[in-house]
Amino acid sequence: MIKQAKSLYGYRELLVYKKAEELQMVLADYVKTFSHSKTLLALSDQMERSARSTKQNITEGWKRNSTREYYQFLGYAVASNAELEEDFTDILRGVYAAKGVEGGKWEKREWEKILFYPLNPILPICLQLKLRAKELNYLLDKLQKSLTDKMGSEGILSVADKLKRQKDRRKDEEDWFRKSLKEQGSVRLENGQIIERAKWEKGEAGKGFKEWNWDR
């Protein structure tokens, strides 16, 4: 089905595009601080390419003639952004120990707890950039899901896409249910029974049954 564009440059109004552009600009300033070793020159070039690819694929996808093509190019943007985020992770882990490259001070358990919104301006620039990439990944995923819903309403989803859509919906439902149980201080057992976690841990209820494995 043909996707009608409302504006030739409407993609510039998309939040996901604006975030990708901001990330690209801040990254450009950041990599200027790298020392001019062969390894870091190659790293900075690759990171800038990834950031540019993310933004350009958002643009090209929006310009394509069909919703399916739009979805496909967003997938390319996701891949480029994921590669960039992994570079930030390597830097934070201290893989590149050189002038201008921050790293070696952060553990994964520390940065994974930090929210990407609102972005804390006092964090090290590399960590800020990683959080920007993480936020961008979230926005790209949301946009892809909205396009999947659109294709579903248009009746153009493939069998594989339909199955993935159902799987994603089940996961969202399970995540919501698991969060609700946690907030209530309850636990779901293998037999489907829901009881208070404190009683289950003390063995006062649900004897003989393990906690439900959500990841199976």
Protein backbone atom coordinates (compact mmCIF):
# COMPACT_ATOMS: atom_id res chain seq x y z
CA MET A 1 0.00 0.00 0.00
CA ILE A 2 1.31 3.47 -0.90
CA LYS A 3 2.23 5.68 2.05
CA GLN A 4 1.12 9.25 1.46
CA ALA A 5 3.54 11.89 2.79
CA LYS A 6 1.93 14.99 4.29
CA SER A 7 5.09 17.07 4.01
CA LEU A 8 8.33 16.70 2.06
CA TYR A 9 10.32 17.32 5.23
CA GLY A 10 7.89 15.96 7.78
CA TYR A 11 10.50 13.54 9.12
CA ARG A 12 12.26 16.53 10.71
CA GLU A 13 9.29 16.89 13.06
CA LEU A 14 9.62 13.33 14.34
CA LEU A 15 10.96 13.09 17.89
CA VAL A 16 13.04 10.07 16.91
CA TYR A 17 14.70 12.09 14.13
CA LYS A 18 15.40 15.04 16.43
CA LYS A 19 16.98 12.73 19.01
CA ALA A 20 19.11 11.04 16.34
CA GLU A 21 20.29 14.43 15.09
CA GLU A 22 21.14 15.61 18.62
CA LEU A 23 23.10 12.42 19.27
CA GLN A 24 25.05 12.86 16.04
CA MET A 25 25.96 16.47 16.89
CA VAL A 26 27.05 15.79 20.47
CA LEU A 27 29.03 12.76 19.34
CA ALA A 28 30.90 14.86 16.76
CA ASP A 29 32.18 17.13 19.54
CA TYR A 30 32.99 14.20 21.81
CA VAL A 31 35.22 12.29 19.37
CA LYS A 32 37.28 15.46 18.77
CA THR A 33 38.74 14.88 22.24
CA PHE A 34 40.17 11.47 21.26
CA SER A 35 43.93 11.19 20.90
CA HIS A 36 45.14 10.75 17.31
CA SER A 37 46.17 7.13 17.56
CA LYS A 38 45.31 4.78 14.69
CA THR A 39 42.86 2.82 16.85
CA LEU A 40 40.97 5.84 18.14
CA LEU A 41 40.82 7.52 14.75
CA ALA A 42 39.21 4.36 13.37
CA LEU A 43 36.87 4.20 16.37
CA SER A 44 35.75 7.82 16.05
CA ASP A 45 35.17 7.39 12.31
CA GLN A 46 33.08 4.27 12.87
CA MET A 47 31.03 5.90 15.64
CA GLU A 48 30.26 8.93 13.49
CA ARG A 49 29.28 6.64 10.61
CA SER A 50 26.90 4.72 12.89
CA ALA A 51 25.29 7.93 14.16
CA ARG A 52 24.89 9.27 10.63
CA SER A 53 23.48 5.94 9.40
CA THR A 54 20.87 5.94 12.17
CA LYS A 55 19.61 9.40 11.23
CA GLN A 56 19.78 8.82 7.47
CA ASN A 57 17.84 5.54 7.65
CA ILE A 58 15.08 7.27 9.60
CA THR A 59 14.95 9.86 6.83
CA GLU A 60 15.03 7.37 3.96
CA GLY A 61 12.43 5.15 5.59
CA TRP A 62 10.06 8.09 6.00
CA LYS A 63 10.58 8.95 2.32
CA ARG A 64 9.82 5.43 1.08
CA ASN A 65 6.51 4.69 -0.63
CA SER A 66 5.14 2.01 1.67
CA THR A 67 4.72 1.36 5.37
CA ARG A 68 6.61 -1.92 5.01
CA GLU A 69 9.63 -0.17 3.50
CA TYR A 70 9.50 2.44 6.26
CA TYR A 71 9.54 -0.33 8.84
CA GLN A 72 12.47 -2.00 7.08
CA PHE A 73 14.63 1.12 7.10
CA LEU A 74 13.85 1.74 10.75
CA GLY A 75 15.32 -1.72 11.30
CA TYR A 76 18.55 -0.53 9.68
CA ALA A 77 18.49 2.51 11.99
CA VAL A 78 18.04 0.24 15.01
CA ALA A 79 21.07 -1.83 13.97
CA SER A 80 23.31 1.23 13.48
CA ASN A 81 22.24 2.74 16.78
CA ALA A 82 22.82 -0.57 18.59
CA GLU A 83 26.37 -0.68 17.20
CA LEU A 84 26.99 2.86 18.43
CA GLU A 85 25.61 2.10 21.88
CA GLU A 86 27.92 -0.91 22.11
CA ASP A 87 30.90 1.35 21.34
CA PHE A 88 29.92 3.57 24.27
CA THR A 89 29.67 0.45 26.43
CA ASP A 90 33.20 -0.61 25.45
CA ILE A 91 34.53 2.84 26.34
CA LEU A 92 32.80 2.78 29.72
CA ARG A 93 34.27 -0.65 30.39
CA GLY A 94 37.77 0.73 29.76
CA VAL A 95 38.46 -1.12 26.51
CA TYR A 96 40.08 2.02 25.07
CA ALA A 97 42.45 3.46 27.64
CA ALA A 98 43.79 6.63 26.06
CA LYS A 99 43.63 10.41 26.32
CA GLY A 100 40.14 11.78 25.78
CA VAL A 101 38.44 8.41 26.19
CA GLU A 102 36.63 7.92 29.46
CA GLY A 103 36.37 4.42 30.80
CA GLY A 104 37.37 1.92 33.44
CA LYS A 105 35.32 3.54 36.21
CA TRP A 106 31.86 2.20 35.53
CA GLU A 107 30.25 -1.16 36.11
CA LYS A 108 27.28 -2.30 34.04
CA ARG A 109 25.11 -2.59 37.13
CA GLU A 110 25.72 1.12 37.77
CA TRP A 111 24.84 2.60 34.37
CA GLU A 112 21.93 0.24 33.72
CA LYS A 113 20.10 1.79 36.69
CA ILE A 114 20.43 5.35 35.35
CA LEU A 115 17.36 6.73 33.56
CA PHE A 116 17.81 8.22 30.10
CA TYR A 117 15.06 10.74 30.80
CA PRO A 118 15.51 13.27 32.17
CA LEU A 119 19.16 13.21 31.14
CA ASN A 120 21.47 14.18 33.99
CA PRO A 121 23.88 16.85 32.60
CA ILE A 122 26.53 16.22 35.26
CA LEU A 123 27.18 12.66 34.10
CA PRO A 124 30.36 11.99 32.06
CA ILE A 125 29.77 12.80 28.40
CA CYS A 126 30.30 9.22 27.27
CA LEU A 127 27.64 7.97 29.67
CA GLN A 128 25.29 10.74 28.54
CA LEU A 129 25.81 9.62 24.95
CA LYS A 130 25.13 5.99 25.83
CA LEU A 131 21.89 7.04 27.52
CA ARG A 132 20.95 9.09 24.46
CA ALA A 133 21.49 6.00 22.30
CA LYS A 134 19.42 3.94 24.74
CA GLU A 135 16.57 6.47 24.54
CA LEU A 136 16.80 6.45 20.75
CA ASN A 137 16.55 2.67 20.72
CA TYR A 138 13.38 2.94 22.83
CA LEU A 139 11.85 5.52 20.46
CA LEU A 140 12.72 3.48 17.37
CA ASP A 141 11.11 0.41 18.91
CA LYS A 142 7.93 2.38 19.69
CA LEU A 143 7.78 3.71 16.13
CA GLN A 144 8.30 0.24 14.67
CA LYS A 145 5.49 -1.14 16.82
CA SER A 146 3.15 1.61 15.64
CA LEU A 147 3.99 0.73 12.03
CA THR A 148 3.37 -2.94 12.76
CA ASP A 149 -0.08 -2.02 14.08
CA LYS A 150 -0.69 0.06 10.95
CA MET A 151 0.30 -2.82 8.68
CA GLY A 152 -1.95 -5.08 10.70
CA SER A 153 -4.91 -2.78 10.13
CA GLU A 154 -4.04 -2.63 6.43
CA GLY A 155 -3.90 -6.44 6.24
CA ILE A 156 -0.38 -6.55 4.81
CA LEU A 157 1.49 -8.31 7.62
CA SER A 158 3.31 -11.52 6.73
CA VAL A 159 2.72 -14.67 8.78
CA ALA A 160 6.09 -14.20 10.47
CA ASP A 161 5.25 -10.58 11.34
CA LYS A 162 1.88 -11.60 12.75
CA LEU A 163 3.51 -14.23 14.97
CA LYS A 164 6.11 -11.73 16.17
CA ARG A 165 3.37 -9.22 16.90
CA GLN A 166 1.50 -11.76 19.00
CA LYS A 167 4.70 -12.68 20.83
CA ASP A 168 5.47 -9.02 21.59
CA ARG A 169 1.96 -8.47 22.90
CA ARG A 170 2.21 -11.51 25.19
CA LYS A 171 5.55 -10.24 26.49
CA ASP A 172 4.08 -6.79 27.18
CA GLU A 173 1.19 -8.40 29.06
CA GLU A 174 3.55 -10.59 31.09
CA ASP A 175 5.78 -7.63 31.93
CA TRP A 176 2.78 -5.66 33.13
CA PHE A 177 1.49 -8.63 35.16
CA ARG A 178 4.92 -9.28 36.69
CA LYS A 179 5.27 -5.60 37.66
CA SER A 180 1.80 -5.61 39.22
CA LEU A 181 2.62 -8.70 41.29
CA LYS A 182 5.87 -7.13 42.48
CA GLU A 183 4.09 -3.95 43.55
CA GLN A 184 1.54 -6.04 45.47
CA GLY A 185 4.23 -8.14 47.13
CA SER A 186 2.84 -11.29 45.53
CA VAL A 187 4.30 -14.21 43.59
CA ARG A 188 2.89 -16.51 40.93
CA LEU A 189 3.62 -20.22 41.34
CA GLU A 190 4.05 -22.91 38.69
CA ASN A 191 0.53 -24.18 39.37
CA GLY A 192 -0.87 -20.71 38.58
CA GLN A 193 -1.62 -19.83 42.20
CA ILE A 194 -0.89 -16.25 43.30
CA ILE A 195 0.09 -15.78 46.95
CA GLU A 196 1.93 -13.32 49.16
CA ARG A 197 5.69 -13.55 48.55
CA ALA A 198 6.48 -13.28 52.27
CA LYS A 199 4.30 -16.31 53.09
CA TRP A 200 5.72 -18.31 50.17
CA GLU A 201 9.30 -17.59 51.20
CA LYS A 202 8.53 -18.69 54.75
CA GLY A 203 6.94 -21.88 53.44
CA GLU A 204 3.54 -21.01 54.86
CA ALA A 205 1.83 -21.32 51.49
CA GLY A 206 2.43 -22.80 48.08
CA LYS A 207 4.47 -25.63 49.54
CA GLY A 208 6.06 -27.84 46.90
CA PHE A 209 5.73 -25.33 44.06
CA LYS A 210 8.42 -23.11 42.59
CA GLU A 211 8.01 -19.52 41.49
CA TRP A 212 6.84 -19.10 37.90
CA ASN A 213 9.72 -18.75 35.44
CA TRP A 214 8.78 -15.75 33.29
CA ASP A 215 11.68 -16.20 30.89
CA ARG A 216 10.91 -19.71 29.70
